[in-house]
Amino acid sequence: MDSKAMSFERALAQLEEAVRLLERGELAIEEAVRLYEDGMKLANLCNHCLDTAELRISQLVPLASGEYLEETILDSPA
């Protein structure tokens, strides 16, 4: 599993498939452990993608003039 260039959607689809297979309970223990490990990597990748996207979300800041300034959360002070 090469997760470095994988999109969020593909990682999520593979994670869902891993969960489906694990929930069936028909895998040999070694295969189940490998699938679990891959699933954890995919879950971490998905979480990282979501965290990155959240930082990029723009918010509208009202100005005194009644207009709005678009500001990215990433640029906001912590």
PDB file of N, CA and C in Angstrom:
ATOM      1  N   MET A   1       0.843  -1.175   0.000  1.00  0.00           N
ATOM      2  CA  MET A   1       0.000   0.000   0.000  1.00  0.00           C
ATOM      3  C   MET A   1       0.887   1.236   0.000  1.00  0.00           C
ATOM      4  N   ASP A   2       0.866   2.009  -1.083  1.00  0.00           N
ATOM      5  CA  ASP A   2       1.624   3.248  -1.168  1.00  0.00           C
ATOM      6  C   ASP A   2       0.667   4.397  -0.920  1.00  0.00           C
ATOM      7  N   SER A   3       0.690   4.919   0.298  1.00  0.00           N
ATOM      8  CA  SER A   3      -0.271   5.946   0.682  1.00  0.00           C
ATOM      9  C   SER A   3       0.227   7.357   0.435  1.00  0.00           C
ATOM     10  N   LYS A   4       1.470   7.521  -0.006  1.00  0.00           N
ATOM     11  CA  LYS A   4       2.047   8.860  -0.148  1.00  0.00           C
ATOM     12  C   LYS A   4       1.309   9.705  -1.177  1.00  0.00           C
ATOM     13  N   ALA A   5       0.909   9.135  -2.294  1.00  0.00           N
ATOM     14  CA  ALA A   5       0.258   9.891  -3.351  1.00  0.00           C
ATOM     15  C   ALA A   5      -1.231   9.564  -3.455  1.00  0.00           C
ATOM     16  N   MET A   6      -1.774   8.901  -2.463  1.00  0.00           N
ATOM     17  CA  MET A   6      -3.160   8.457  -2.512  1.00  0.00           C
ATOM     18  C   MET A   6      -4.112   9.603  -2.156  1.00  0.00           C
ATOM     19  N   SER A   7      -5.209   9.712  -2.896  1.00  0.00           N
ATOM     20  CA  SER A   7      -6.208  10.733  -2.596  1.00  0.00           C
ATOM     21  C   SER A   7      -7.027  10.324  -1.377  1.00  0.00           C
ATOM     22  N   PHE A   8      -7.677  11.302  -0.775  1.00  0.00           N
ATOM     23  CA  PHE A   8      -8.540  11.034   0.371  1.00  0.00           C
ATOM     24  C   PHE A   8      -9.630  10.036  -0.005  1.00  0.00           C
ATOM     25  N   GLU A   9     -10.252  10.257  -1.148  1.00  0.00           N
ATOM     26  CA  GLU A   9     -11.366   9.402  -1.566  1.00  0.00           C
ATOM     27  C   GLU A   9     -10.927   7.952  -1.758  1.00  0.00           C
ATOM     28  N   ARG A  10      -9.769   7.772  -2.357  1.00  0.00           N
ATOM     29  CA  ARG A  10      -9.272   6.402  -2.571  1.00  0.00           C
ATOM     30  C   ARG A  10      -8.907   5.747  -1.238  1.00  0.00           C
ATOM     31  N   ALA A  11      -8.254   6.518  -0.360  1.00  0.00           N
ATOM     32  CA  ALA A  11      -7.881   5.984   0.956  1.00  0.00           C
ATOM     33  C   ALA A  11      -9.124   5.601   1.748  1.00  0.00           C
ATOM     34  N   LEU A  12     -10.143   6.443   1.696  1.00  0.00           N
ATOM     35  CA  LEU A  12     -11.383   6.151   2.420  1.00  0.00           C
ATOM     36  C   LEU A  12     -12.067   4.905   1.859  1.00  0.00           C
ATOM     37  N   ALA A  13     -12.088   4.770   0.546  1.00  0.00           N
ATOM     38  CA  ALA A  13     -12.701   3.589  -0.076  1.00  0.00           C
ATOM     39  C   ALA A  13     -11.955   2.318   0.332  1.00  0.00           C
ATOM     40  N   GLN A  14     -10.629   2.373   0.346  1.00  0.00           N
ATOM     41  CA  GLN A  14      -9.850   1.202   0.751  1.00  0.00           C
ATOM     42  C   GLN A  14     -10.043   0.902   2.231  1.00  0.00           C
ATOM     43  N   LEU A  15     -10.155   1.935   3.048  1.00  0.00           N
ATOM     44  CA  LEU A  15     -10.404   1.739   4.477  1.00  0.00           C
ATOM     45  C   LEU A  15     -11.768   1.086   4.699  1.00  0.00           C
ATOM     46  N   GLU A  16     -12.780   1.556   3.987  1.00  0.00           N
ATOM     47  CA  GLU A  16     -14.115   0.963   4.106  1.00  0.00           C
ATOM     48  C   GLU A  16     -14.102  -0.508   3.694  1.00  0.00           C
ATOM     49  N   GLU A  17     -13.360  -0.829   2.647  1.00  0.00           N
ATOM     50  CA  GLU A  17     -13.261  -2.224   2.198  1.00  0.00           C
ATOM     51  C   GLU A  17     -12.552  -3.075   3.246  1.00  0.00           C
ATOM     52  N   ALA A  18     -11.488  -2.543   3.850  1.00  0.00           N
ATOM     53  CA  ALA A  18     -10.772  -3.277   4.899  1.00  0.00           C
ATOM     54  C   ALA A  18     -11.696  -3.548   6.080  1.00  0.00           C
ATOM     55  N   VAL A  19     -12.465  -2.556   6.476  1.00  0.00           N
ATOM     56  CA  VAL A  19     -13.404  -2.726   7.592  1.00  0.00           C
ATOM     57  C   VAL A  19     -14.444  -3.789   7.245  1.00  0.00           C
ATOM     58  N   ARG A  20     -14.961  -3.729   6.025  1.00  0.00           N
ATOM     59  CA  ARG A  20     -15.967  -4.713   5.595  1.00  0.00           C
ATOM     60  C   ARG A  20     -15.408  -6.133   5.683  1.00  0.00           C
ATOM     61  N   LEU A  21     -14.188  -6.319   5.194  1.00  0.00           N
ATOM     62  CA  LEU A  21     -13.576  -7.650   5.230  1.00  0.00           C
ATOM     63  C   LEU A  21     -13.298  -8.107   6.661  1.00  0.00           C
ATOM     64  N   LEU A  22     -12.819  -7.201   7.491  1.00  0.00           N
ATOM     65  CA  LEU A  22     -12.539  -7.561   8.886  1.00  0.00           C
ATOM     66  C   LEU A  22     -13.821  -7.905   9.641  1.00  0.00           C
ATOM     67  N   GLU A  23     -14.890  -7.166   9.368  1.00  0.00           N
ATOM     68  CA  GLU A  23     -16.156  -7.421  10.062  1.00  0.00           C
ATOM     69  C   GLU A  23     -16.767  -8.763   9.685  1.00  0.00           C
ATOM     70  N   ARG A  24     -16.459  -9.264   8.505  1.00  0.00           N
ATOM     71  CA  ARG A  24     -16.984 -10.577   8.103  1.00  0.00           C
ATOM     72  C   ARG A  24     -16.394 -11.689   8.953  1.00  0.00           C
ATOM     73  N   GLY A  25     -15.177 -11.489   9.441  1.00  0.00           N
ATOM     74  CA  GLY A  25     -14.557 -12.462  10.331  1.00  0.00           C
ATOM     75  C   GLY A  25     -14.124 -13.758   9.679  1.00  0.00           C
ATOM     76  N   GLU A  26     -13.913 -13.750   8.387  1.00  0.00           N
ATOM     77  CA  GLU A  26     -13.557 -14.976   7.666  1.00  0.00           C
ATOM     78  C   GLU A  26     -12.083 -15.048   7.280  1.00  0.00           C
ATOM     79  N   LEU A  27     -11.281 -14.079   7.689  1.00  0.00           N
ATOM     80  CA  LEU A  27      -9.871 -14.032   7.297  1.00  0.00           C
ATOM     81  C   LEU A  27      -9.001 -14.835   8.249  1.00  0.00           C
ATOM     82  N   ALA A  28      -7.908 -15.357   7.715  1.00  0.00           N
ATOM     83  CA  ALA A  28      -6.895 -15.976   8.572  1.00  0.00           C
ATOM     84  C   ALA A  28      -6.291 -14.873   9.437  1.00  0.00           C
ATOM     85  N   ILE A  29      -5.768 -15.242  10.590  1.00  0.00           N
ATOM     86  CA  ILE A  29      -5.282 -14.260  11.551  1.00  0.00           C
ATOM     87  C   ILE A  29      -4.201 -13.358  10.959  1.00  0.00           C
ATOM     88  N   GLU A  30      -3.266 -13.924  10.212  1.00  0.00           N
ATOM     89  CA  GLU A  30      -2.191 -13.111   9.618  1.00  0.00           C
ATOM     90  C   GLU A  30      -2.745 -12.090   8.626  1.00  0.00           C
ATOM     91  N   GLU A  31      -3.692 -12.523   7.820  1.00  0.00           N
ATOM     92  CA  GLU A  31      -4.311 -11.616   6.855  1.00  0.00           C
ATOM     93  C   GLU A  31      -5.112 -10.536   7.580  1.00  0.00           C
ATOM     94  N   ALA A  32      -5.805 -10.907   8.636  1.00  0.00           N
ATOM     95  CA  ALA A  32      -6.575  -9.933   9.411  1.00  0.00           C
ATOM     96  C   ALA A  32      -5.660  -8.896  10.055  1.00  0.00           C
ATOM     97  N   VAL A  33      -4.538  -9.334  10.593  1.00  0.00           N
ATOM     98  CA  VAL A  33      -3.586  -8.406  11.216  1.00  0.00           C
ATOM     99  C   VAL A  33      -3.008  -7.463  10.166  1.00  0.00           C
ATOM    100  N   ARG A  34      -2.634  -8.000   9.007  1.00  0.00           N
ATOM    101  CA  ARG A  34      -2.093  -7.156   7.940  1.00  0.00           C
ATOM    102  C   ARG A  34      -3.116  -6.127   7.483  1.00  0.00           C
ATOM    103  N   LEU A  35      -4.357  -6.580   7.326  1.00  0.00           N
ATOM    104  CA  LEU A  35      -5.425  -5.688   6.899  1.00  0.00           C
ATOM    105  C   LEU A  35      -5.698  -4.619   7.955  1.00  0.00           C
ATOM    106  N   TYR A  36      -5.638  -5.002   9.226  1.00  0.00           N
ATOM    107  CA  TYR A  36      -5.816  -4.043  10.318  1.00  0.00           C
ATOM    108  C   TYR A  36      -4.708  -2.986  10.286  1.00  0.00           C
ATOM    109  N   GLU A  37      -3.469  -3.428  10.107  1.00  0.00           N
ATOM    110  CA  GLU A  37      -2.339  -2.487  10.045  1.00  0.00           C
ATOM    111  C   GLU A  37      -2.491  -1.521   8.868  1.00  0.00           C
ATOM    112  N   ASP A  38      -2.864  -2.063   7.712  1.00  0.00           N
ATOM    113  CA  ASP A  38      -3.100  -1.206   6.550  1.00  0.00           C
ATOM    114  C   ASP A  38      -4.243  -0.234   6.818  1.00  0.00           C
ATOM    115  N   GLY A  39      -5.282  -0.725   7.475  1.00  0.00           N
ATOM    116  CA  GLY A  39      -6.422   0.124   7.805  1.00  0.00           C
ATOM    117  C   GLY A  39      -6.045   1.274   8.721  1.00  0.00           C
ATOM    118  N   MET A  40      -5.176   1.015   9.679  1.00  0.00           N
ATOM    119  CA  MET A  40      -4.726   2.080  10.579  1.00  0.00           C
ATOM    120  C   MET A  40      -3.928   3.135   9.815  1.00  0.00           C
ATOM    121  N   LYS A  41      -3.104   2.700   8.873  1.00  0.00           N
ATOM    122  CA  LYS A  41      -2.351   3.653   8.045  1.00  0.00           C
ATOM    123  C   LYS A  41      -3.307   4.488   7.197  1.00  0.00           C
ATOM    124  N   LEU A  42      -4.316   3.828   6.635  1.00  0.00           N
ATOM    125  CA  LEU A  42      -5.302   4.543   5.830  1.00  0.00           C
ATOM    126  C   LEU A  42      -6.096   5.530   6.680  1.00  0.00           C
ATOM    127  N   ALA A  43      -6.463   5.132   7.889  1.00  0.00           N
ATOM    128  CA  ALA A  43      -7.200   6.025   8.784  1.00  0.00           C
ATOM    129  C   ALA A  43      -6.356   7.248   9.131  1.00  0.00           C
ATOM    130  N   ASN A  44      -5.080   7.041   9.387  1.00  0.00           N
ATOM    131  CA  ASN A  44      -4.186   8.164   9.679  1.00  0.00           C
ATOM    132  C   ASN A  44      -4.065   9.097   8.479  1.00  0.00           C
ATOM    133  N   LEU A  45      -3.962   8.515   7.282  1.00  0.00           N
ATOM    134  CA  LEU A  45      -3.891   9.328   6.072  1.00  0.00           C
ATOM    135  C   LEU A  45      -5.165  10.149   5.899  1.00  0.00           C
ATOM    136  N   CYS A  46      -6.315   9.516   6.099  1.00  0.00           N
ATOM    137  CA  CYS A  46      -7.592  10.228   5.985  1.00  0.00           C
ATOM    138  C   CYS A  46      -7.672  11.362   7.002  1.00  0.00           C
ATOM    139  N   ASN A  47      -7.276  11.096   8.231  1.00  0.00           N
ATOM    140  CA  ASN A  47      -7.289  12.140   9.260  1.00  0.00           C
ATOM    141  C   ASN A  47      -6.371  13.289   8.885  1.00  0.00           C
ATOM    142  N   HIS A  48      -5.196  12.975   8.352  1.00  0.00           N
ATOM    143  CA  HIS A  48      -4.258  14.021   7.931  1.00  0.00           C
ATOM    144  C   HIS A  48      -4.866  14.866   6.808  1.00  0.00           C
ATOM    145  N   CYS A  49      -5.495  14.205   5.840  1.00  0.00           N
ATOM    146  CA  CYS A  49      -6.142  14.929   4.737  1.00  0.00           C
ATOM    147  C   CYS A  49      -7.234  15.855   5.258  1.00  0.00           C
ATOM    148  N   LEU A  50      -8.035  15.368   6.195  1.00  0.00           N
ATOM    149  CA  LEU A  50      -9.106  16.184   6.762  1.00  0.00           C
ATOM    150  C   LEU A  50      -8.550  17.352   7.563  1.00  0.00           C
ATOM    151  N   ASP A  51      -7.506  17.110   8.335  1.00  0.00           N
ATOM    152  CA  ASP A  51      -6.880  18.191   9.105  1.00  0.00           C
ATOM    153  C   ASP A  51      -6.331  19.269   8.178  1.00  0.00           C
ATOM    154  N   THR A  52      -5.682  18.840   7.102  1.00  0.00           N
ATOM    155  CA  THR A  52      -5.126  19.788   6.137  1.00  0.00           C
ATOM    156  C   THR A  52      -6.234  20.588   5.464  1.00  0.00           C
ATOM    157  N   ALA A  53      -7.304  19.921   5.084  1.00  0.00           N
ATOM    158  CA  ALA A  53      -8.426  20.607   4.449  1.00  0.00           C
ATOM    159  C   ALA A  53      -9.057  21.613   5.402  1.00  0.00           C
ATOM    160  N   GLU A  54      -9.183  21.244   6.657  1.00  0.00           N
ATOM    161  CA  GLU A  54      -9.775  22.138   7.652  1.00  0.00           C
ATOM    162  C   GLU A  54      -8.959  23.421   7.778  1.00  0.00           C
ATOM    163  N   LEU A  55      -7.649  23.306   7.717  1.00  0.00           N
ATOM    164  CA  LEU A  55      -6.795  24.488   7.811  1.00  0.00           C
ATOM    165  C   LEU A  55      -6.935  25.399   6.598  1.00  0.00           C
ATOM    166  N   ARG A  56      -7.358  24.843   5.490  1.00  0.00           N
ATOM    167  CA  ARG A  56      -7.476  25.625   4.260  1.00  0.00           C
ATOM    168  C   ARG A  56      -8.844  26.270   4.093  1.00  0.00           C
ATOM    169  N   ILE A  57      -9.784  25.888   4.919  1.00  0.00           N
ATOM    170  CA  ILE A  57     -11.139  26.428   4.796  1.00  0.00           C
ATOM    171  C   ILE A  57     -11.108  27.928   5.054  1.00  0.00           C
ATOM    172  N   SER A  58     -11.777  28.645   4.222  1.00  0.00           N
ATOM    173  CA  SER A  58     -11.827  30.096   4.367  1.00  0.00           C
ATOM    174  C   SER A  58     -12.990  30.494   5.261  1.00  0.00           C
ATOM    175  N   GLN A  59     -12.774  31.582   5.960  1.00  0.00           N
ATOM    176  CA  GLN A  59     -13.869  32.145   6.739  1.00  0.00           C
ATOM    177  C   GLN A  59     -14.055  33.589   6.294  1.00  0.00           C
ATOM    178  N   LEU A  60     -15.268  34.089   6.411  1.00  0.00           N
ATOM    179  CA  LEU A  60     -15.555  35.465   6.059  1.00  0.00           C
ATOM    180  C   LEU A  60     -15.527  36.303   7.324  1.00  0.00           C
ATOM    181  N   VAL A  61     -14.720  37.362   7.298  1.00  0.00           N
ATOM    182  CA  VAL A  61     -14.575  38.255   8.445  1.00  0.00           C
ATOM    183  C   VAL A  61     -15.297  39.551   8.106  1.00  0.00           C
ATOM    184  N   PRO A  62     -16.310  39.936   8.920  1.00  0.00           N
ATOM    185  CA  PRO A  62     -17.031  41.178   8.624  1.00  0.00           C
ATOM    186  C   PRO A  62     -16.142  42.399   8.872  1.00  0.00           C
ATOM    187  N   LEU A  63     -16.205  43.361   7.951  1.00  0.00           N
ATOM    188  CA  LEU A  63     -15.472  44.615   8.079  1.00  0.00           C
ATOM    189  C   LEU A  63     -16.436  45.714   8.516  1.00  0.00           C
ATOM    190  N   ALA A  64     -15.904  46.797   9.049  1.00  0.00           N
ATOM    191  CA  ALA A  64     -16.732  47.918   9.501  1.00  0.00           C
ATOM    192  C   ALA A  64     -17.549  48.503   8.352  1.00  0.00           C
ATOM    193  N   SER A  65     -17.057  48.378   7.137  1.00  0.00           N
ATOM    194  CA  SER A  65     -17.744  48.929   5.965  1.00  0.00           C
ATOM    195  C   SER A  65     -18.971  48.115   5.573  1.00  0.00           C
ATOM    196  N   GLY A  66     -19.173  46.980   6.227  1.00  0.00           N
ATOM    197  CA  GLY A  66     -20.288  46.112   5.878  1.00  0.00           C
ATOM    198  C   GLY A  66     -19.906  45.036   4.877  1.00  0.00           C
ATOM    199  N   GLU A  67     -18.712  45.144   4.341  1.00  0.00           N
ATOM    200  CA  GLU A  67     -18.219  44.128   3.417  1.00  0.00           C
ATOM    201  C   GLU A  67     -17.550  43.015   4.210  1.00  0.00           C
ATOM    202  N   TYR A  68     -17.164  41.990   3.502  1.00  0.00           N
ATOM    203  CA  TYR A  68     -16.511  40.849   4.143  1.00  0.00           C
ATOM    204  C   TYR A  68     -15.143  40.619   3.518  1.00  0.00           C
ATOM    205  N   LEU A  69     -14.215  40.239   4.356  1.00  0.00           N
ATOM    206  CA  LEU A  69     -12.871  39.887   3.918  1.00  0.00           C
ATOM    207  C   LEU A  69     -12.728  38.384   4.047  1.00  0.00           C
ATOM    208  N   GLU A  70     -12.277  37.752   2.975  1.00  0.00           N
ATOM    209  CA  GLU A  70     -12.054  36.309   3.035  1.00  0.00           C
ATOM    210  C   GLU A  70     -10.682  36.064   3.644  1.00  0.00           C
ATOM    211  N   GLU A  71     -10.651  35.291   4.710  1.00  0.00           N
ATOM    212  CA  GLU A  71      -9.413  34.996   5.419  1.00  0.00           C
ATOM    213  C   GLU A  71      -9.324  33.496   5.623  1.00  0.00           C
ATOM    214  N   THR A  72      -8.170  32.946   5.350  1.00  0.00           N
ATOM    215  CA  THR A  72      -8.026  31.514   5.578  1.00  0.00           C
ATOM    216  C   THR A  72      -7.670  31.268   7.033  1.00  0.00           C
ATOM    217  N   ILE A  73      -8.179  30.203   7.577  1.00  0.00           N
ATOM    218  CA  ILE A  73      -7.918  29.852   8.969  1.00  0.00           C
ATOM    219  C   ILE A  73      -6.428  29.654   9.180  1.00  0.00           C
ATOM    220  N   LEU A  74      -5.748  29.155   8.171  1.00  0.00           N
ATOM    221  CA  LEU A  74      -4.317  28.906   8.270  1.00  0.00           C
ATOM    222  C   LEU A  74      -3.550  30.188   8.566  1.00  0.00           C
ATOM    223  N   ASP A  75      -4.030  31.319   8.036  1.00  0.00           N
ATOM    224  CA  ASP A  75      -3.357  32.595   8.232  1.00  0.00           C
ATOM    225  C   ASP A  75      -3.780  33.303   9.508  1.00  0.00           C
ATOM    226  N   SER A  76      -4.804  32.808  10.183  1.00  0.00           N
ATOM    227  CA  SER A  76      -5.294  33.452  11.399  1.00  0.00           C
ATOM    228  C   SER A  76      -4.341  33.197  12.550  1.00  0.00           C
ATOM    229  N   PRO A  77      -4.220  34.156  13.469  1.00  0.00           N
ATOM    230  CA  PRO A  77      -3.385  33.906  14.651  1.00  0.00           C
ATOM    231  C   PRO A  77      -3.991  32.823  15.519  1.00  0.00           C
ATOM    232  N   ALA A  78      -3.152  32.052  16.156  1.00  0.00           N
ATOM    233  CA  ALA A  78      -3.621  30.930  16.980  1.00  0.00           C
ATOM    234  C   ALA A  78      -4.168  31.400  18.293  1.00  0.00           C
TER     235      ALA A  78
END
